[in-house]
Amino acid sequence: MSMSSKKRLIIGAGALLTAGATLTAAAGFTLGLFSANSGASGNNTFTTGTVSIGSPTTVSCTIANMVPGDESTGYTGTGVTGNTQGTKDAACTFAVTYTGSAPAWLGISTSDTTTSTTNLYAGTAGTGLQLQISDGSNTNYTTTGVINTNSASSPLLVNKTADAGGDSTVYTFTVNYALPSATANLYQASNTKLTMTVYAVQAGNNGSTTACTAGTQCVGVTSWS
């Protein structure tokens, strides 16, 4: 090997050493990393709705000294003849307000809660007190001579469309009545106490009223309690 060849090899080795020194120096520095985030989200709030009914605006209606042939101004049933009342008795009213925020089904139950020995209401046409219950939509909750003795588990549906909630809708129920002209003496000094209760239950995830009729029981509503 010639001298010039050796010289070139020595220079090459020196170049390798210099490169190695450069790599060692670079390893001694910390490199910065760019980063970012989207920031915090807004507050996520979860609140349950309410299903509630306000106090009734009318709590009682007392009709006294009825005699056969008497009737209220809006009574449309049969059994009364020869009525000569100068001023017919006014119908009784019962109003409740749905004050809940959640959509709800509403139902009403009616019952004779008289504790006397002889009730004026007999449950049959042509004898004792006749009752007709309706609402502002003209939905009837009784037929002549019938009181629906339902409970909280099976009230009569008030409306096929759920109350949307949040607007304090008032529901007014009217009770018309008559004492048939053929009412016998055995009903003298008798009385009847009609009790009406309105129920509300959530509509969401609680069945459908598609096959139901207002004023009747609705099996589509799976739970009233």
Protein backbone atom coordinates (compact mmCIF):
# COMPACT_ATOMS: atom_id res chain seq x y z
CA MET A 1 0.00 0.00 0.00
CA SER A 2 1.33 3.46 -0.92
CA MET A 3 1.78 6.33 1.49
CA SER A 4 -0.91 8.35 -0.16
CA SER A 5 -3.37 5.55 0.47
CA LYS A 6 -2.59 5.46 4.19
CA LYS A 7 -3.13 9.16 4.44
CA ARG A 8 -6.59 8.90 2.98
CA LEU A 9 -7.55 6.18 5.48
CA ILE A 10 -6.40 8.28 8.43
CA ILE A 11 -8.46 11.20 7.25
CA GLY A 12 -11.50 8.92 6.87
CA ALA A 13 -11.13 7.67 10.42
CA GLY A 14 -10.94 11.21 11.69
CA ALA A 15 -14.20 11.99 9.93
CA LEU A 16 -15.94 9.12 11.69
CA LEU A 17 -14.71 10.27 15.08
CA THR A 18 -15.97 13.77 14.45
CA ALA A 19 -19.43 12.45 13.51
CA GLY A 20 -19.59 10.39 16.66
CA ALA A 21 -18.75 13.42 18.80
CA THR A 22 -21.54 15.36 17.15
CA LEU A 23 -24.13 12.67 17.97
CA THR A 24 -23.04 12.57 21.59
CA ALA A 25 -23.46 16.32 21.93
CA ALA A 26 -27.02 16.24 20.44
CA ALA A 27 -28.16 13.61 22.95
CA GLY A 28 -27.52 16.08 25.78
CA PHE A 29 -30.41 18.46 24.78
CA THR A 30 -34.21 18.18 25.65
CA LEU A 31 -36.49 18.72 22.64
CA GLY A 32 -39.82 20.69 23.10
CA LEU A 33 -43.20 19.05 22.12
CA PHE A 34 -46.09 21.10 20.75
CA SER A 35 -49.56 20.19 22.21
CA ALA A 36 -53.15 21.52 22.47
CA ASN A 37 -56.60 20.68 23.95
CA SER A 38 -60.17 21.68 23.17
CA GLY A 39 -60.84 23.24 26.57
CA ALA A 40 -63.48 22.14 29.11
CA SER A 41 -67.05 21.45 27.97
CA GLY A 42 -70.04 23.31 29.37
CA ASN A 43 -71.80 21.94 32.44
CA ASN A 44 -73.88 18.83 31.76
CA THR A 45 -76.99 19.02 33.96
CA PHE A 46 -79.55 16.26 34.53
CA THR A 47 -82.91 17.05 36.15
CA THR A 48 -85.99 14.90 36.62
CA GLY A 49 -89.43 16.17 35.65
CA THR A 50 -92.44 16.37 37.94
CA VAL A 51 -95.90 14.80 37.87
CA SER A 52 -98.14 16.72 40.25
CA ILE A 53 -101.69 17.99 40.66
CA GLY A 54 -102.60 21.26 42.36
CA SER A 55 -105.31 21.71 44.96
CA PRO A 56 -108.91 21.46 43.69
CA THR A 57 -110.71 24.77 43.21
CA THR A 58 -114.00 23.25 44.33
CA VAL A 59 -114.05 20.72 47.15
CA SER A 60 -117.73 20.18 47.94
CA CYS A 61 -121.25 20.73 46.66
CA THR A 62 -124.29 20.25 48.89
CA ILE A 63 -127.79 19.84 47.48
CA ALA A 64 -130.48 19.59 50.15
CA ASN A 65 -134.24 19.01 50.34
CA MET A 66 -134.52 17.27 46.99
CA VAL A 67 -137.92 15.85 46.05
CA PRO A 68 -138.94 13.55 43.21
CA GLY A 69 -138.86 15.43 39.91
CA ASP A 70 -135.98 17.76 40.81
CA GLU A 71 -133.05 18.10 38.39
CA SER A 72 -130.02 20.31 37.75
CA THR A 73 -129.88 22.76 34.87
CA GLY A 74 -127.71 20.53 32.65
CA TYR A 75 -129.27 17.14 33.32
CA THR A 76 -130.07 15.36 30.02
CA GLY A 77 -131.15 11.93 31.23
CA THR A 78 -134.58 10.40 31.54
CA GLY A 79 -136.82 9.79 34.52
CA VAL A 80 -137.94 13.33 35.29
CA THR A 81 -141.42 14.47 34.23
CA GLY A 82 -143.50 17.48 35.14
CA ASN A 83 -140.63 19.54 36.59
CA THR A 84 -142.02 22.89 37.76
CA GLN A 85 -138.96 24.29 39.54
CA GLY A 86 -138.85 28.05 39.05
CA THR A 87 -135.06 27.87 39.14
CA LYS A 88 -133.40 24.54 38.68
CA ASP A 89 -130.49 23.60 40.89
CA ALA A 90 -127.03 24.43 39.59
CA ALA A 91 -124.69 21.64 38.61
CA CYS A 92 -121.75 20.85 40.87
CA THR A 93 -118.22 21.42 39.61
CA PHE A 94 -114.83 20.03 40.53
CA ALA A 95 -111.62 21.48 39.05
CA VAL A 96 -108.00 20.45 39.36
CA THR A 97 -104.81 21.81 37.82
CA TYR A 98 -102.03 19.68 36.38
CA THR A 99 -98.94 21.47 37.68
CA GLY A 100 -96.29 18.97 36.60
CA SER A 101 -93.54 19.62 34.08
CA ALA A 102 -93.49 16.15 32.49
CA PRO A 103 -96.09 14.89 30.00
CA ALA A 104 -98.76 12.89 31.86
CA TRP A 105 -101.87 10.81 31.45
CA LEU A 106 -104.78 11.90 33.66
CA GLY A 107 -107.55 9.71 35.01
CA ILE A 108 -110.57 10.18 37.27
CA SER A 109 -112.31 7.80 39.65
CA THR A 110 -115.77 8.33 41.12
CA SER A 111 -117.44 6.54 43.98
CA ASP A 112 -120.35 6.75 46.38
CA THR A 113 -118.77 7.07 49.81
CA THR A 114 -122.00 7.46 51.78
CA THR A 115 -121.96 5.94 55.26
CA SER A 116 -125.70 6.20 55.92
CA THR A 117 -127.92 3.12 56.05
CA THR A 118 -129.90 4.04 52.92
CA ASN A 119 -128.08 5.75 50.05
CA LEU A 120 -129.95 8.17 47.84
CA TYR A 121 -127.92 6.86 44.95
CA ALA A 122 -129.18 3.39 44.05
CA GLY A 123 -127.25 2.62 40.90
CA THR A 124 -130.38 1.82 38.91
CA ALA A 125 -132.38 3.97 36.53
CA GLY A 126 -135.81 5.23 37.52
CA THR A 127 -135.43 4.97 41.30
CA GLY A 128 -132.69 6.73 43.26
CA LEU A 129 -130.47 9.70 42.46
CA GLN A 130 -129.18 9.88 38.88
CA LEU A 131 -125.71 11.30 38.20
CA GLN A 132 -124.00 12.50 35.03
CA ILE A 133 -120.32 13.51 35.09
CA SER A 134 -118.61 15.21 32.17
CA ASP A 135 -115.65 17.49 31.46
CA GLY A 136 -115.01 20.54 29.31
CA SER A 137 -114.47 18.30 26.28
CA ASN A 138 -117.95 16.80 26.78
CA THR A 139 -116.48 13.43 27.67
CA ASN A 140 -118.96 11.52 29.81
CA TYR A 141 -117.68 9.59 32.82
CA THR A 142 -121.02 8.06 33.81
CA THR A 143 -124.13 6.85 32.12
CA THR A 144 -127.54 7.31 33.71
CA GLY A 145 -127.63 5.66 37.11
CA VAL A 146 -124.00 4.46 37.10
CA ILE A 147 -121.04 5.51 39.23
CA ASN A 148 -117.69 4.09 38.22
CA THR A 149 -116.17 2.75 41.40
CA ASN A 150 -112.62 2.66 40.16
CA SER A 151 -109.45 3.05 42.18
CA ALA A 152 -106.01 4.52 41.57
CA SER A 153 -105.07 1.34 39.71
CA SER A 154 -107.78 1.73 37.05
CA PRO A 155 -109.33 5.22 36.78
CA LEU A 156 -111.16 6.49 33.72
CA LEU A 157 -108.94 8.12 31.11
CA VAL A 158 -109.47 11.89 30.90
CA ASN A 159 -107.87 12.54 27.52
CA LYS A 160 -106.29 10.34 24.83
CA THR A 161 -103.64 13.02 24.34
CA ALA A 162 -101.18 13.38 27.20
CA ASP A 163 -100.98 16.70 29.00
CA ALA A 164 -97.69 18.19 27.79
CA GLY A 165 -96.94 19.69 31.19
CA GLY A 166 -95.45 23.03 32.11
CA ASP A 167 -98.54 25.16 31.48
CA SER A 168 -100.79 24.44 34.51
CA THR A 169 -103.79 23.18 32.56
CA VAL A 170 -107.09 23.27 34.50
CA TYR A 171 -109.50 20.34 34.17
CA THR A 172 -113.09 21.04 35.20
CA PHE A 173 -115.58 18.25 35.83
CA THR A 174 -119.31 18.91 36.02
CA VAL A 175 -121.81 16.82 37.94
CA ASN A 176 -125.45 17.01 36.85
CA TYR A 177 -128.11 15.13 38.74
CA ALA A 178 -131.81 14.35 39.01
CA LEU A 179 -134.21 12.63 41.37
CA PRO A 180 -136.65 10.69 39.18
CA SER A 181 -140.32 11.50 39.42
CA ALA A 182 -140.99 7.86 40.35
CA THR A 183 -138.68 7.90 43.38
CA ALA A 184 -140.45 6.08 46.23
CA ASN A 185 -140.96 7.07 49.88
CA LEU A 186 -138.21 4.70 51.02
CA TYR A 187 -135.67 7.26 49.81
CA GLN A 188 -136.90 9.98 52.17
CA ALA A 189 -134.17 11.35 54.47
CA SER A 190 -131.51 9.49 52.46
CA ASN A 191 -128.28 11.01 51.21
CA THR A 192 -125.33 10.31 48.98
CA LYS A 193 -121.77 11.57 49.02
CA LEU A 194 -120.08 11.48 45.63
CA THR A 195 -116.28 11.49 45.78
CA MET A 196 -114.16 12.22 42.70
CA THR A 197 -110.40 11.84 42.57
CA VAL A 198 -108.11 12.82 39.71
CA TYR A 199 -104.84 10.96 39.14
CA ALA A 200 -101.79 11.80 37.03
CA VAL A 201 -99.00 9.50 35.92
CA GLN A 202 -96.10 9.99 33.52
CA ALA A 203 -96.95 9.42 29.87
CA GLY A 204 -93.43 8.72 28.65
CA ASN A 205 -92.52 5.02 28.65
CA ASN A 206 -95.95 4.19 30.03
CA GLY A 207 -97.98 2.61 27.27
CA SER A 208 -100.24 4.04 24.58
CA THR A 209 -103.84 5.26 24.45
CA THR A 210 -104.25 4.57 20.73
CA ALA A 211 -106.89 1.89 21.34
CA CYS A 212 -108.51 3.70 24.28
CA THR A 213 -111.46 6.05 24.60
CA ALA A 214 -111.66 9.02 26.94
CA GLY A 215 -114.15 8.36 29.73
CA THR A 216 -113.34 4.65 29.99
CA GLN A 217 -110.61 2.52 31.51
CA CYS A 218 -107.48 2.32 29.37
CA VAL A 219 -105.42 -0.86 29.55
CA GLY A 220 -102.83 0.80 27.30
CA VAL A 221 -101.57 2.79 30.28
CA THR A 222 -99.49 0.17 32.04
CA SER A 223 -99.26 1.85 35.44
CA TRP A 224 -101.30 4.49 37.31
CA SER A 225 -99.37 4.26 40.55
